């Protein structure tokens, strides 16, 4: 899980549109530079995710995908190849000649050297398929599901990442000054990008940090993600 970082503020300063009162001719430029408007604000530290812990209901692990399609395809390929080879071996034992495909394959393998391009390509393909099957067998899958805390024995639940992002977006649009929000919900980090058309950007970001931090805690996730909030002004129309 991505750990929260120290507060980071990235600002781009633009001159204010209102009048500026100067103390004197020598201080006019300094006064204009002091009256500025923040155009962007970002933070990733106001929300501290609750560390994962063991609940009374047991460990809340990830959900494993059944992967029925890869398993079915592999079973059909293995079944077809084994049946065909077994039939050919039985036919040879019964005194019949081997199938043409097996004789051709044996002749090609006997004539071609090991550094042949076709042999290397076939070997690389077999290795890639084997690694892919091993990865499927060793990883849970279902990355779109976020496990929730297990408060009761025998009960497991998960929240879809798109649903979690929708909940956070609905929370964010209720903050005063927020015009639009985009939420990208990952397994270890929630990135929120908001557009604010009024209020100070730092104030809007602080409110978003508070509201979204509470929203993430109320989702009841076993491993709450870290939070990164970015607030900017809307693009100027040309």
Protein backbone atom coordinates (compact mmCIF):
# COMPACT_ATOMS: atom_id res chain seq x y z
CA UNK A 1 0.00 0.00 0.00
CA UNK A 2 1.29 3.38 -0.88
CA UNK A 3 2.26 5.27 2.21
CA UNK A 4 1.22 8.97 2.57
CA UNK A 5 3.88 11.55 1.96
CA UNK A 6 4.58 14.90 3.49
CA UNK A 7 2.28 17.77 2.50
CA UNK A 8 3.09 19.08 -0.89
CA UNK A 9 1.72 22.33 -2.28
CA UNK A 10 2.24 23.19 -5.89
CA UNK A 11 1.05 26.68 -6.74
CA UNK A 12 1.14 28.78 -9.83
CA UNK A 13 0.66 32.44 -9.13
CA UNK A 14 -1.32 34.76 -11.37
CA UNK A 15 -1.74 38.52 -10.99
CA UNK A 16 -4.97 39.63 -9.35
CA UNK A 17 -7.58 41.40 -11.46
CA UNK A 18 -8.54 43.88 -8.76
CA UNK A 19 -6.83 47.20 -8.02
CA UNK A 20 -3.59 47.22 -6.04
CA UNK A 21 -2.74 49.96 -3.57
CA UNK A 22 0.97 50.80 -3.66
CA UNK A 23 2.83 52.38 -0.78
CA UNK A 24 5.08 54.27 -3.15
CA UNK A 25 6.64 54.23 -6.56
CA UNK A 26 9.57 52.09 -5.36
CA UNK A 27 7.19 49.50 -3.81
CA UNK A 28 4.63 49.30 -6.62
CA UNK A 29 5.97 46.15 -8.20
CA UNK A 30 6.32 44.41 -4.81
CA UNK A 31 2.72 45.26 -3.90
CA UNK A 32 1.47 43.82 -7.18
CA UNK A 33 3.38 40.64 -6.54
CA UNK A 34 1.86 40.24 -3.06
CA UNK A 35 -1.75 40.34 -4.28
CA UNK A 36 -1.87 36.99 -6.08
CA UNK A 37 -4.35 34.24 -6.62
CA UNK A 38 -3.47 30.60 -6.06
CA UNK A 39 -4.23 28.55 -9.17
CA UNK A 40 -3.42 25.04 -7.96
CA UNK A 41 -3.27 23.19 -4.64
CA UNK A 42 -2.36 19.59 -3.90
CA UNK A 43 -2.03 17.47 -0.80
CA UNK A 44 -1.45 13.83 0.10
CA UNK A 45 -1.01 13.85 3.87
CA UNK A 46 -4.10 15.21 5.59
CA UNK A 47 -5.72 11.77 5.59
CA UNK A 48 -3.93 9.01 7.45
CA UNK A 49 -5.23 5.57 6.38
CA UNK A 50 -6.08 3.16 9.14
CA UNK A 51 -3.58 0.27 9.09
CA UNK A 52 -4.88 -3.15 8.25
CA UNK A 53 -5.59 -5.29 11.28
CA UNK A 54 -7.21 -8.60 12.12
CA UNK A 55 -10.87 -8.31 12.97
CA UNK A 56 -13.02 -10.64 14.98
CA UNK A 57 -14.34 -12.22 11.78
CA UNK A 58 -10.90 -13.31 10.52
CA UNK A 59 -8.44 -12.15 7.92
CA UNK A 60 -9.93 -10.16 5.04
CA UNK A 61 -7.95 -11.46 2.08
CA UNK A 62 -8.51 -10.76 -1.57
CA UNK A 63 -11.10 -12.64 -3.57
CA UNK A 64 -9.77 -15.28 -5.97
CA UNK A 65 -11.00 -15.41 -9.52
CA UNK A 66 -12.36 -18.74 -10.75
CA UNK A 67 -10.79 -18.12 -14.20
CA UNK A 68 -13.16 -20.53 -15.87
CA UNK A 69 -12.27 -19.55 -19.43
CA UNK A 70 -8.47 -20.14 -19.16
CA UNK A 71 -9.06 -23.33 -17.19
CA UNK A 72 -11.56 -24.61 -19.75
CA UNK A 73 -9.29 -23.82 -22.70
CA UNK A 74 -6.31 -25.49 -21.03
CA UNK A 75 -8.34 -28.56 -20.14
CA UNK A 76 -9.63 -28.89 -23.71
CA UNK A 77 -6.13 -28.53 -25.20
CA UNK A 78 -4.62 -31.06 -22.79
CA UNK A 79 -7.53 -33.47 -23.27
CA UNK A 80 -7.40 -33.24 -27.07
CA UNK A 81 -3.61 -33.58 -27.28
CA UNK A 82 -3.47 -36.46 -24.80
CA UNK A 83 -6.31 -38.32 -26.50
CA UNK A 84 -4.76 -37.94 -29.94
CA UNK A 85 -1.32 -39.04 -28.76
CA UNK A 86 -2.76 -41.99 -26.81
CA UNK A 87 -4.73 -43.12 -29.86
CA UNK A 88 -1.62 -42.94 -32.08
CA UNK A 89 0.52 -44.88 -29.58
CA UNK A 90 -2.19 -47.54 -29.30
CA UNK A 91 -2.41 -47.78 -33.10
CA UNK A 92 1.37 -48.25 -33.40
CA UNK A 93 1.27 -50.96 -30.73
CA UNK A 94 -1.47 -52.68 -32.72
CA UNK A 95 0.80 -52.87 -35.77
CA UNK A 96 -0.52 -49.86 -37.70
CA UNK A 97 1.74 -47.06 -38.95
CA UNK A 98 1.99 -43.85 -36.94
CA UNK A 99 -0.05 -40.86 -38.00
CA UNK A 100 1.41 -38.62 -40.66
CA UNK A 101 1.61 -35.59 -38.35
CA UNK A 102 3.76 -37.50 -35.84
CA UNK A 103 6.11 -38.85 -38.51
CA UNK A 104 6.46 -35.38 -40.04
CA UNK A 105 7.11 -33.80 -36.66
CA UNK A 106 9.75 -36.39 -35.79
CA UNK A 107 11.51 -35.91 -39.14
CA UNK A 108 11.50 -32.10 -38.81
CA UNK A 109 12.90 -32.26 -35.28
CA UNK A 110 15.62 -34.67 -36.40
CA UNK A 111 16.72 -32.50 -39.34
CA UNK A 112 16.50 -29.01 -37.87
CA UNK A 113 19.28 -27.78 -35.54
CA UNK A 114 18.48 -26.48 -32.09
CA UNK A 115 19.31 -22.88 -33.05
CA UNK A 116 16.67 -22.88 -35.76
CA UNK A 117 14.47 -19.79 -35.64
CA UNK A 118 11.21 -21.74 -35.74
CA UNK A 119 12.29 -23.98 -32.87
CA UNK A 120 13.37 -20.98 -30.78
CA UNK A 121 10.09 -19.20 -31.50
CA UNK A 122 8.05 -22.27 -30.56
CA UNK A 123 10.06 -22.71 -27.35
CA UNK A 124 9.62 -19.03 -26.43
CA UNK A 125 5.88 -19.30 -27.05
CA UNK A 126 5.64 -22.39 -24.85
CA UNK A 127 7.60 -20.65 -22.07
CA UNK A 128 5.39 -17.55 -22.30
CA UNK A 129 2.22 -19.64 -22.08
CA UNK A 130 3.64 -21.56 -19.13
CA UNK A 131 4.57 -18.38 -17.27
CA UNK A 132 1.13 -16.93 -17.97
CA UNK A 133 -0.53 -20.03 -16.52
CA UNK A 134 1.72 -19.91 -13.45
CA UNK A 135 0.85 -16.25 -12.87
CA UNK A 136 -2.86 -17.04 -13.17
CA UNK A 137 -2.48 -19.90 -10.71
CA UNK A 138 -0.50 -17.90 -8.13
CA UNK A 139 -2.38 -14.57 -8.16
CA UNK A 140 -5.90 -13.91 -6.84
CA UNK A 141 -7.14 -11.76 -9.72
CA UNK A 142 -10.33 -9.70 -9.38
CA UNK A 143 -8.34 -6.50 -8.94
CA UNK A 144 -11.52 -4.44 -9.25
CA UNK A 145 -12.78 -5.73 -5.88
CA UNK A 146 -11.62 -4.11 -2.63
CA UNK A 147 -12.00 -6.46 0.38
CA UNK A 148 -13.99 -5.07 3.28
CA UNK A 149 -13.40 -5.62 6.97
CA UNK A 150 -14.65 -8.89 8.40
CA UNK A 151 -16.64 -7.99 11.48
CA UNK A 152 -18.56 -11.28 11.65
CA UNK A 153 -17.25 -14.83 11.25
CA UNK A 154 -18.15 -16.53 7.99
CA UNK A 155 -19.12 -13.30 6.22
CA UNK A 156 -16.92 -11.85 3.46
CA UNK A 157 -17.71 -8.77 1.43
CA UNK A 158 -16.00 -6.61 -1.16
CA UNK A 159 -16.62 -3.23 -2.73
CA UNK A 160 -16.13 -2.56 -6.41
CA UNK A 161 -13.53 0.13 -7.10
CA UNK A 162 -15.86 2.01 -9.44
CA UNK A 163 -18.55 2.07 -6.73
CA UNK A 164 -16.04 3.34 -4.17
CA UNK A 165 -14.91 6.06 -6.59
CA UNK A 166 -18.55 7.06 -7.15
CA UNK A 167 -19.14 7.36 -3.40
CA UNK A 168 -16.10 9.58 -2.97
CA UNK A 169 -17.08 11.70 -5.96
CA UNK A 170 -20.55 12.28 -4.51
CA UNK A 171 -18.94 13.32 -1.23
CA UNK A 172 -16.53 15.68 -2.97
CA UNK A 173 -19.14 17.54 -5.05
CA UNK A 174 -20.94 18.52 -1.84
CA UNK A 175 -17.95 20.61 -0.74
CA UNK A 176 -18.51 24.32 -1.21
CA UNK A 177 -16.55 25.71 -4.15
CA UNK A 178 -16.14 22.42 -6.02
CA UNK A 179 -17.30 22.60 -9.62
CA UNK A 180 -16.33 19.13 -10.87
CA UNK A 181 -14.45 16.10 -9.53
CA UNK A 182 -12.64 13.13 -11.00
CA UNK A 183 -11.77 10.19 -8.74
CA UNK A 184 -9.38 7.37 -9.67
CA UNK A 185 -9.66 4.60 -7.12
CA UNK A 186 -6.73 2.21 -6.98
CA UNK A 187 -6.04 -0.70 -4.65
CA UNK A 188 -3.57 1.34 -2.60
CA UNK A 189 -4.24 4.98 -3.51
CA UNK A 190 -7.23 7.22 -4.22
CA UNK A 191 -6.41 10.19 -6.46
CA UNK A 192 -8.95 13.01 -6.48
CA UNK A 193 -8.73 15.88 -8.96
CA UNK A 194 -11.19 18.69 -8.35
CA UNK A 195 -11.94 21.97 -10.12
CA UNK A 196 -12.92 24.90 -7.92
CA UNK A 197 -14.47 28.06 -9.37
CA UNK A 198 -14.53 30.08 -6.13
CA UNK A 199 -13.04 30.09 -2.63
CA UNK A 200 -9.37 29.78 -1.86
CA UNK A 201 -7.90 26.59 -3.26
CA UNK A 202 -6.15 25.69 -0.02
CA UNK A 203 -9.46 25.98 1.85
CA UNK A 204 -11.24 23.81 -0.69
CA UNK A 205 -8.46 21.23 -0.55
CA UNK A 206 -8.54 21.16 3.24
CA UNK A 207 -12.30 20.54 3.21
CA UNK A 208 -11.84 17.80 0.61
CA UNK A 209 -9.14 16.17 2.73
CA UNK A 210 -11.50 16.06 5.69
CA UNK A 211 -14.60 14.93 3.81
CA UNK A 212 -12.87 12.31 1.69
CA UNK A 213 -10.82 11.00 4.60
CA UNK A 214 -14.03 10.41 6.51
CA UNK A 215 -15.62 8.88 3.43
CA UNK A 216 -12.79 6.38 2.99
CA UNK A 217 -13.01 5.32 6.62
CA UNK A 218 -16.76 4.82 6.30
CA UNK A 219 -16.29 2.53 3.28
CA UNK A 220 -15.20 -0.17 5.72
CA UNK A 221 -12.27 -1.41 3.63
CA UNK A 222 -9.83 -3.89 5.11
CA UNK A 223 -6.89 -1.93 3.66
CA UNK A 224 -7.93 1.72 3.32
CA UNK A 225 -6.02 3.42 0.48
CA UNK A 226 -3.99 6.57 0.88
CA UNK A 227 -5.51 9.80 -0.36
CA UNK A 228 -4.12 12.36 -2.79
CA UNK A 229 -6.14 15.52 -3.48
CA UNK A 230 -5.43 18.02 -6.28
CA UNK A 231 -7.46 21.20 -6.70
CA UNK A 232 -7.15 23.69 -9.56
CA UNK A 233 -9.01 26.53 -11.22
CA UNK A 234 -11.10 25.90 -14.34
CA UNK A 235 -9.37 26.44 -17.65
CA UNK A 236 -9.73 29.96 -19.00
CA UNK A 237 -11.84 30.36 -22.09
CA UNK A 238 -10.10 31.88 -25.06
